[in-house]
Amino acid sequence: MKLANPFGFRTTFDFNSKIFWYPPHQAKALMQLKNGIHHIDLVVEVRDARIPLTCLNSVVLNRKKLVVYNKVDLANPQLLPALKDYLKKYRQEDVIFTKANEGFNVKGILKFPYLSVVVVGAPNVGKSTLINQLRNLGMKKKKVTQVGPKAGVTRMIQTRVKIHPDPPIYLTDTPGIFNPIVSTPIECLKIALTGGTNDSLTTKINVADYLLFRLNNSKNYKYYCQLLNMEPTDNIHDILLQICKKYEFKVDENTRINRLLDEKDYDMDKAAELLIELYRKGQLGRMTLDDCSKEGLDDFFQNNQPDNLLYNEI
């Protein structure tokens, strides 16, 4: 009989710290949305396809909603069809999947006949990139919204941007907004791993260790094994040490004080950053961090109906 876990990998991940990141611009953006929602016809909520359940927004806008799962090229493609069906059944939400940085399927958003649109979603899910692609498609103009790979690039609600001439469609970008209270420690790790928080708020080695845990449990260990020419391991220290040696990540003289003998010369934080970045770029395989199996989706949607949750209603 073939063992399901031949390498003896961890089957649970122990982590108890939360990330609290709720910059003032998020609260201000919520107030602006509340004051201007009567001008909006359609809410486009952008979500990260790698954490399709974790990044569900707790802010309810009483308008027609279109859900856009972005970065679909980085998620497990086998899990997406069922997710779409469940959202339609339990939330009555229309869903499309996009890869905004390359324009994949972005044009589908223009099929929804609404004249005033607001884009919302968690930090760093690709809202501004999506707007720029829509403007380019509809108006044949270059980007107008600042784009960056870090959470918090958009810090205020932008002025309306015309993205289609006939009919005239106007679209507004918002800063990334998520509820900082309801997230569990593991959800915080998922958000941090996908770039949804400021990286300075997390211990990079903890995030990298969670990544290793998920790679091993999804049988995606071949990627780091090939990269580092090593056998599968459950020890993040071994992985980071190999990265340091391969890329010559060394620390300065002052940092060596009180280091362990075998890592005193190596910059383990920099190695953790590289491992995390490889995942964010899709170089460690396509991996969805939420449980989107039938059992996982049943459990999530049956226990997370809108009537049972605390929402910030606008």
Protein backbone atom coordinates (compact mmCIF):
# COMPACT_ATOMS: atom_id res chain seq x y z
CA MET A 1 0.00 0.00 0.00
CA LYS A 2 1.39 3.38 -1.03
CA LEU A 3 1.82 5.82 1.82
CA ALA A 4 -0.08 9.09 1.44
CA ASN A 5 2.68 10.96 3.25
CA PRO A 6 5.93 9.10 2.45
CA PHE A 7 8.18 11.97 3.56
CA GLY A 8 6.52 12.43 6.94
CA PHE A 9 5.51 16.04 6.22
CA ARG A 10 3.58 18.06 8.79
CA THR A 11 -0.17 17.73 8.44
CA THR A 12 -0.98 20.80 10.55
CA PHE A 13 0.66 24.19 10.82
CA ASP A 14 0.87 25.82 14.24
CA PHE A 15 0.72 29.61 14.13
CA ASN A 16 -1.03 31.93 16.56
CA SER A 17 -0.09 35.49 15.58
CA LYS A 18 -2.43 37.87 13.79
CA ILE A 19 -1.61 40.70 11.44
CA PHE A 20 -3.28 44.02 12.23
CA TRP A 21 -2.99 46.39 9.29
CA TYR A 22 -5.73 48.94 8.86
CA PRO A 23 -4.14 52.17 7.61
CA PRO A 24 -6.13 55.41 7.98
CA HIS A 25 -6.68 55.62 4.22
CA GLN A 26 -8.83 52.46 4.37
CA ALA A 27 -11.23 53.97 6.91
CA LYS A 28 -11.39 57.17 4.85
CA ALA A 29 -12.12 55.19 1.70
CA LEU A 30 -15.00 53.37 3.41
CA MET A 31 -16.54 56.69 4.41
CA GLN A 32 -16.18 58.03 0.87
CA LEU A 33 -17.85 54.91 -0.49
CA LYS A 34 -20.72 55.32 1.95
CA ASN A 35 -21.23 58.95 0.93
CA GLY A 36 -21.01 58.29 -2.81
CA ILE A 37 -22.65 54.89 -3.23
CA HIS A 38 -25.86 56.41 -4.61
CA HIS A 39 -23.90 57.36 -7.74
CA ILE A 40 -22.80 53.75 -8.36
CA ASP A 41 -24.62 51.26 -10.61
CA LEU A 42 -22.25 48.28 -10.36
CA VAL A 43 -19.68 47.10 -7.82
CA VAL A 44 -16.77 45.14 -9.28
CA GLU A 45 -15.14 43.23 -6.43
CA VAL A 46 -11.68 41.97 -7.38
CA ARG A 47 -10.41 38.93 -5.51
CA ASP A 48 -7.19 36.92 -5.59
CA ALA A 49 -7.87 33.52 -7.19
CA ARG A 50 -5.24 31.91 -4.93
CA ILE A 51 -7.23 32.79 -1.79
CA PRO A 52 -10.77 32.87 -3.21
CA LEU A 53 -12.50 32.42 0.16
CA THR A 54 -10.09 34.23 2.46
CA CYS A 55 -10.33 37.43 0.43
CA LEU A 56 -14.13 37.60 0.45
CA ASN A 57 -14.89 41.17 1.43
CA SER A 58 -16.83 41.83 4.63
CA VAL A 59 -17.90 45.22 3.28
CA VAL A 60 -21.34 44.89 1.72
CA LEU A 61 -22.33 47.48 -0.87
CA ASN A 62 -26.04 47.49 -1.65
CA ARG A 63 -25.57 47.43 -5.39
CA LYS A 64 -25.38 44.87 -8.17
CA LYS A 65 -22.05 43.03 -7.87
CA LEU A 66 -19.68 41.40 -10.34
CA VAL A 67 -16.91 39.27 -8.81
CA VAL A 68 -13.61 39.22 -10.69
CA TYR A 69 -11.13 36.55 -9.66
CA ASN A 70 -7.78 37.90 -10.80
CA LYS A 71 -4.36 36.21 -11.04
CA VAL A 72 -6.13 33.11 -12.25
CA ASP A 73 -2.92 31.89 -13.89
CA LEU A 74 -1.41 31.41 -10.41
CA ALA A 75 -4.28 29.33 -8.98
CA ASN A 76 -5.15 25.66 -9.39
CA PRO A 77 -7.30 25.62 -12.56
CA GLN A 78 -9.17 22.47 -11.53
CA LEU A 79 -10.80 24.24 -8.58
CA LEU A 80 -12.21 27.27 -10.40
CA PRO A 81 -15.41 25.89 -12.05
CA ALA A 82 -16.84 24.59 -8.76
CA LEU A 83 -16.06 27.90 -7.04
CA LYS A 84 -18.05 29.78 -9.67
CA ASP A 85 -21.03 27.44 -9.22
CA TYR A 86 -21.02 27.80 -5.42
CA LEU A 87 -20.87 31.59 -5.54
CA LYS A 88 -23.82 31.66 -7.91
CA LYS A 89 -25.81 29.23 -5.75
CA TYR A 90 -25.09 30.67 -2.31
CA ARG A 91 -24.37 34.35 -3.00
CA GLN A 92 -26.11 34.98 -6.35
CA GLU A 93 -22.86 36.51 -7.59
CA ASP A 94 -21.77 36.66 -11.22
CA VAL A 95 -18.12 35.61 -11.58
CA ILE A 96 -15.45 35.98 -14.23
CA PHE A 97 -11.79 34.96 -14.10
CA THR A 98 -9.00 37.24 -15.32
CA LYS A 99 -5.28 37.70 -15.63
CA ALA A 100 -5.34 41.48 -15.64
CA ASN A 101 -1.63 42.11 -16.15
CA GLU A 102 -1.91 40.46 -19.57
CA GLY A 103 -5.49 41.48 -20.31
CA PHE A 104 -6.86 37.92 -20.25
CA ASN A 105 -10.69 37.94 -20.16
CA VAL A 106 -10.81 41.58 -19.00
CA LYS A 107 -13.05 42.47 -21.93
CA GLY A 108 -15.80 40.36 -20.37
CA ILE A 109 -16.37 43.07 -17.76
CA LEU A 110 -17.49 45.51 -20.45
CA LYS A 111 -20.40 43.21 -21.31
CA PHE A 112 -22.20 44.30 -18.13
CA PRO A 113 -24.38 47.31 -19.09
CA TYR A 114 -23.71 49.68 -16.20
CA LEU A 115 -22.61 53.29 -16.61
CA SER A 116 -21.04 54.03 -13.21
CA VAL A 117 -18.78 51.35 -11.74
CA VAL A 118 -16.65 51.19 -8.58
CA VAL A 119 -13.81 48.69 -8.13
CA VAL A 120 -13.26 47.30 -4.63
CA GLY A 121 -11.30 44.44 -3.09
CA ALA A 122 -8.52 43.45 -0.73
CA PRO A 123 -5.07 45.06 -1.10
CA ASN A 124 -2.86 44.06 -4.02
CA VAL A 125 -5.37 41.90 -5.88
CA GLY A 126 -4.88 43.85 -9.12
CA LYS A 127 -7.63 46.47 -9.06
CA SER A 128 -5.59 49.28 -10.60
CA THR A 129 -4.13 46.95 -13.24
CA LEU A 130 -7.65 45.89 -14.16
CA ILE A 131 -8.79 49.51 -14.53
CA ASN A 132 -5.85 50.33 -16.78
CA GLN A 133 -6.61 47.34 -18.99
CA LEU A 134 -10.28 48.33 -19.23
CA ARG A 135 -9.38 51.88 -20.18
CA ASN A 136 -6.96 50.62 -22.78
CA LEU A 137 -9.62 48.34 -24.25
CA GLY A 138 -12.44 50.86 -24.22
CA MET A 139 -10.64 54.14 -24.91
CA LYS A 140 -7.35 52.97 -26.47
CA LYS A 141 -5.45 55.05 -23.91
CA LYS A 142 -2.49 54.24 -21.70
CA LYS A 143 -2.73 53.54 -18.00
CA VAL A 144 -3.98 56.23 -15.66
CA THR A 145 -3.91 54.46 -12.28
CA GLN A 146 -0.70 53.83 -10.36
CA VAL A 147 0.23 50.15 -10.25
CA GLY A 148 2.72 48.39 -7.99
CA PRO A 149 3.55 44.94 -6.65
CA LYS A 150 3.07 45.97 -3.03
CA ALA A 151 -0.09 46.29 -0.95
CA GLY A 152 -1.30 49.84 -0.37
CA VAL A 153 -0.18 51.49 -3.63
CA THR A 154 -3.64 53.02 -4.15
CA ARG A 155 -4.20 55.12 -1.04
CA MET A 156 -7.33 57.10 -1.86
CA ILE A 157 -10.45 56.80 -3.96
CA GLN A 158 -9.52 57.92 -7.44
CA THR A 159 -11.51 60.33 -9.57
CA ARG A 160 -13.80 58.68 -12.08
CA VAL A 161 -12.10 57.35 -15.19
CA LYS A 162 -13.91 56.98 -18.49
CA ILE A 163 -13.31 53.45 -19.78
CA HIS A 164 -15.79 53.28 -22.67
CA PRO A 165 -17.07 55.98 -25.05
CA ASP A 166 -20.42 54.61 -26.19
CA PRO A 167 -22.18 53.97 -23.96
CA PRO A 168 -20.10 56.19 -21.66
CA ILE A 169 -18.91 54.01 -18.79
CA TYR A 170 -17.09 55.57 -15.83
CA LEU A 171 -15.09 53.59 -13.30
CA THR A 172 -13.62 54.46 -9.88
CA ASP A 173 -10.69 52.76 -8.12
CA THR A 174 -10.52 52.35 -4.33
CA PRO A 175 -7.73 51.44 -1.89
CA GLY A 176 -7.54 47.81 -0.82
CA ILE A 177 -9.99 47.22 2.01
CA PHE A 178 -10.35 44.16 4.21
CA ASN A 179 -11.71 43.50 7.67
CA PRO A 180 -8.73 43.36 10.06
CA ILE A 181 -10.72 41.72 12.87
CA VAL A 182 -12.19 38.52 11.43
CA SER A 183 -9.00 37.04 9.97
CA THR A 184 -7.61 33.96 11.74
CA PRO A 185 -3.83 33.53 12.09
CA ILE A 186 -3.74 31.08 9.15
CA GLU A 187 -5.83 33.44 7.02
CA CYS A 188 -3.33 36.16 7.89
CA LEU A 189 -0.52 33.96 6.60
CA LYS A 190 -2.41 33.36 3.35
CA ILE A 191 -2.94 37.09 2.87
CA ALA A 192 0.72 37.80 3.65
CA LEU A 193 1.96 35.06 1.33
CA THR A 194 -0.04 36.43 -1.61
CA GLY A 195 1.13 40.00 -0.95
CA GLY A 196 -2.06 41.38 0.56
CA THR A 197 -0.34 43.13 3.48
CA ASN A 198 2.76 45.21 3.92
CA ASP A 199 5.66 42.72 4.06
CA SER A 200 7.27 44.65 6.91
CA LEU A 201 4.43 43.55 9.22
CA THR A 202 5.27 39.86 9.00
CA THR A 203 8.16 37.63 9.98
CA LYS A 204 9.28 36.51 6.55
CA ILE A 205 10.61 33.17 7.74
CA ASN A 206 7.19 32.31 9.23
CA VAL A 207 5.51 33.11 5.91
CA ALA A 208 8.13 31.09 4.02
CA ASP A 209 7.65 28.17 6.42
CA TYR A 210 3.90 28.22 5.77
CA LEU A 211 4.64 28.24 2.04
CA LEU A 212 6.87 25.18 2.46
CA PHE A 213 4.11 23.46 4.44
CA ARG A 214 1.59 24.11 1.65
CA LEU A 215 3.98 23.10 -1.14
CA ASN A 216 4.67 19.79 0.55
CA ASN A 217 1.04 19.02 1.32
CA SER A 218 -0.05 19.79 -2.24
CA LYS A 219 2.78 17.64 -3.62
CA ASN A 220 4.41 20.65 -5.28
CA TYR A 221 7.80 20.03 -3.69
CA LYS A 222 9.37 19.16 -7.04
CA TYR A 223 9.79 22.86 -7.82
CA TYR A 224 12.06 23.71 -4.92
CA CYS A 225 13.81 20.34 -5.22
CA GLN A 226 14.75 21.09 -8.82
CA LEU A 227 15.71 24.69 -8.06
CA LEU A 228 17.96 23.79 -5.14
CA ASN A 229 19.02 20.29 -6.20
CA MET A 230 17.83 18.76 -2.94
CA GLU A 231 15.44 16.14 -1.60
CA PRO A 232 12.00 17.11 -0.23
CA THR A 233 12.21 18.48 3.29
CA ASP A 234 9.88 19.77 5.97
CA ASN A 235 12.56 21.97 7.52
CA ILE A 236 12.45 25.60 6.39
CA HIS A 237 15.95 26.14 7.81
CA ASP A 238 17.35 23.61 5.30
CA ILE A 239 15.57 25.31 2.39
CA LEU A 240 16.70 28.81 3.30
CA LEU A 241 20.27 27.70 3.89
CA GLN A 242 20.37 26.12 0.43
CA ILE A 243 19.00 29.33 -1.12
CA CYS A 244 21.64 31.40 0.68
CA LYS A 245 24.41 29.16 -0.58
CA LYS A 246 23.07 29.07 -4.15
CA TYR A 247 22.57 32.84 -4.44
CA GLU A 248 25.32 33.89 -2.01
CA PHE A 249 22.98 35.76 0.32
CA LYS A 250 25.31 36.89 3.11
CA VAL A 251 24.89 39.37 5.93
CA ASP A 252 27.25 42.10 7.03
CA GLU A 253 29.65 41.79 9.95
CA ASN A 254 27.35 43.40 12.52
CA THR A 255 24.48 41.03 11.78
CA ARG A 256 26.62 37.97 12.44
CA ILE A 257 26.57 38.58 16.19
CA ASN A 258 24.65 35.88 18.10
CA ARG A 259 23.97 33.86 14.95
CA LEU A 260 24.06 30.07 14.90
CA LEU A 261 27.34 28.68 13.61
CA ASP A 262 25.98 27.17 10.40
CA GLU A 263 24.04 30.26 9.38
CA LYS A 264 26.11 33.10 10.82
CA ASP A 265 27.20 34.29 7.38
CA TYR A 266 23.87 33.92 5.63
CA ASP A 267 20.92 36.27 5.16
CA MET A 268 18.02 33.95 5.95
CA ASP A 269 15.44 36.76 5.69
CA LYS A 270 16.56 37.52 2.15
CA ALA A 271 16.30 33.83 1.31
CA ALA A 272 12.76 33.78 2.71
CA GLU A 273 11.88 36.83 0.59
CA LEU A 274 13.12 35.05 -2.53
CA LEU A 275 11.13 31.90 -1.79
CA ILE A 276 7.97 33.94 -1.24
CA GLU A 277 8.58 35.95 -4.42
CA LEU A 278 9.00 32.75 -6.43
CA TYR A 279 5.55 31.65 -5.28
CA ARG A 280 3.99 35.03 -6.05
CA LYS A 281 5.36 34.84 -9.58
CA GLY A 282 4.06 31.32 -10.13
CA GLN A 283 7.48 29.71 -10.28
CA LEU A 284 6.63 27.17 -7.58
CA GLY A 285 3.55 25.87 -9.34
CA ARG A 286 -0.11 26.90 -9.46
CA MET A 287 -1.46 26.54 -5.95
CA THR A 288 -4.73 27.63 -4.34
CA LEU A 289 -4.36 28.17 -0.60
CA ASP A 290 -8.04 27.84 0.36
CA ASP A 291 -9.83 24.49 0.48
CA CYS A 292 -11.94 24.57 -2.68
CA SER A 293 -12.75 20.87 -2.76
CA LYS A 294 -16.45 20.01 -2.75
CA GLU A 295 -16.24 19.25 0.96
CA GLY A 296 -14.37 22.47 1.66
CA LEU A 297 -16.79 24.62 -0.33
CA ASP A 298 -19.82 22.94 1.27
CA ASP A 299 -18.42 23.63 4.73
CA PHE A 300 -17.47 27.23 3.95
CA PHE A 301 -20.70 28.36 2.32
CA GLN A 302 -23.02 26.51 4.69
CA ASN A 303 -21.28 28.11 7.68
CA ASN A 304 -20.70 31.54 6.16
CA GLN A 305 -24.09 32.65 4.95
CA PRO A 306 -24.58 36.44 4.97
CA ASP A 307 -27.24 36.16 7.69
CA ASN A 308 -24.71 34.53 10.03
CA LEU A 309 -21.87 37.01 9.53
CA LEU A 310 -21.00 40.45 10.83
CA TYR A 311 -20.78 42.73 7.83
CA ASN A 312 -20.01 46.40 7.41
CA GLU A 313 -23.02 47.40 5.36
CA ILE A 314 -22.92 50.45 3.13
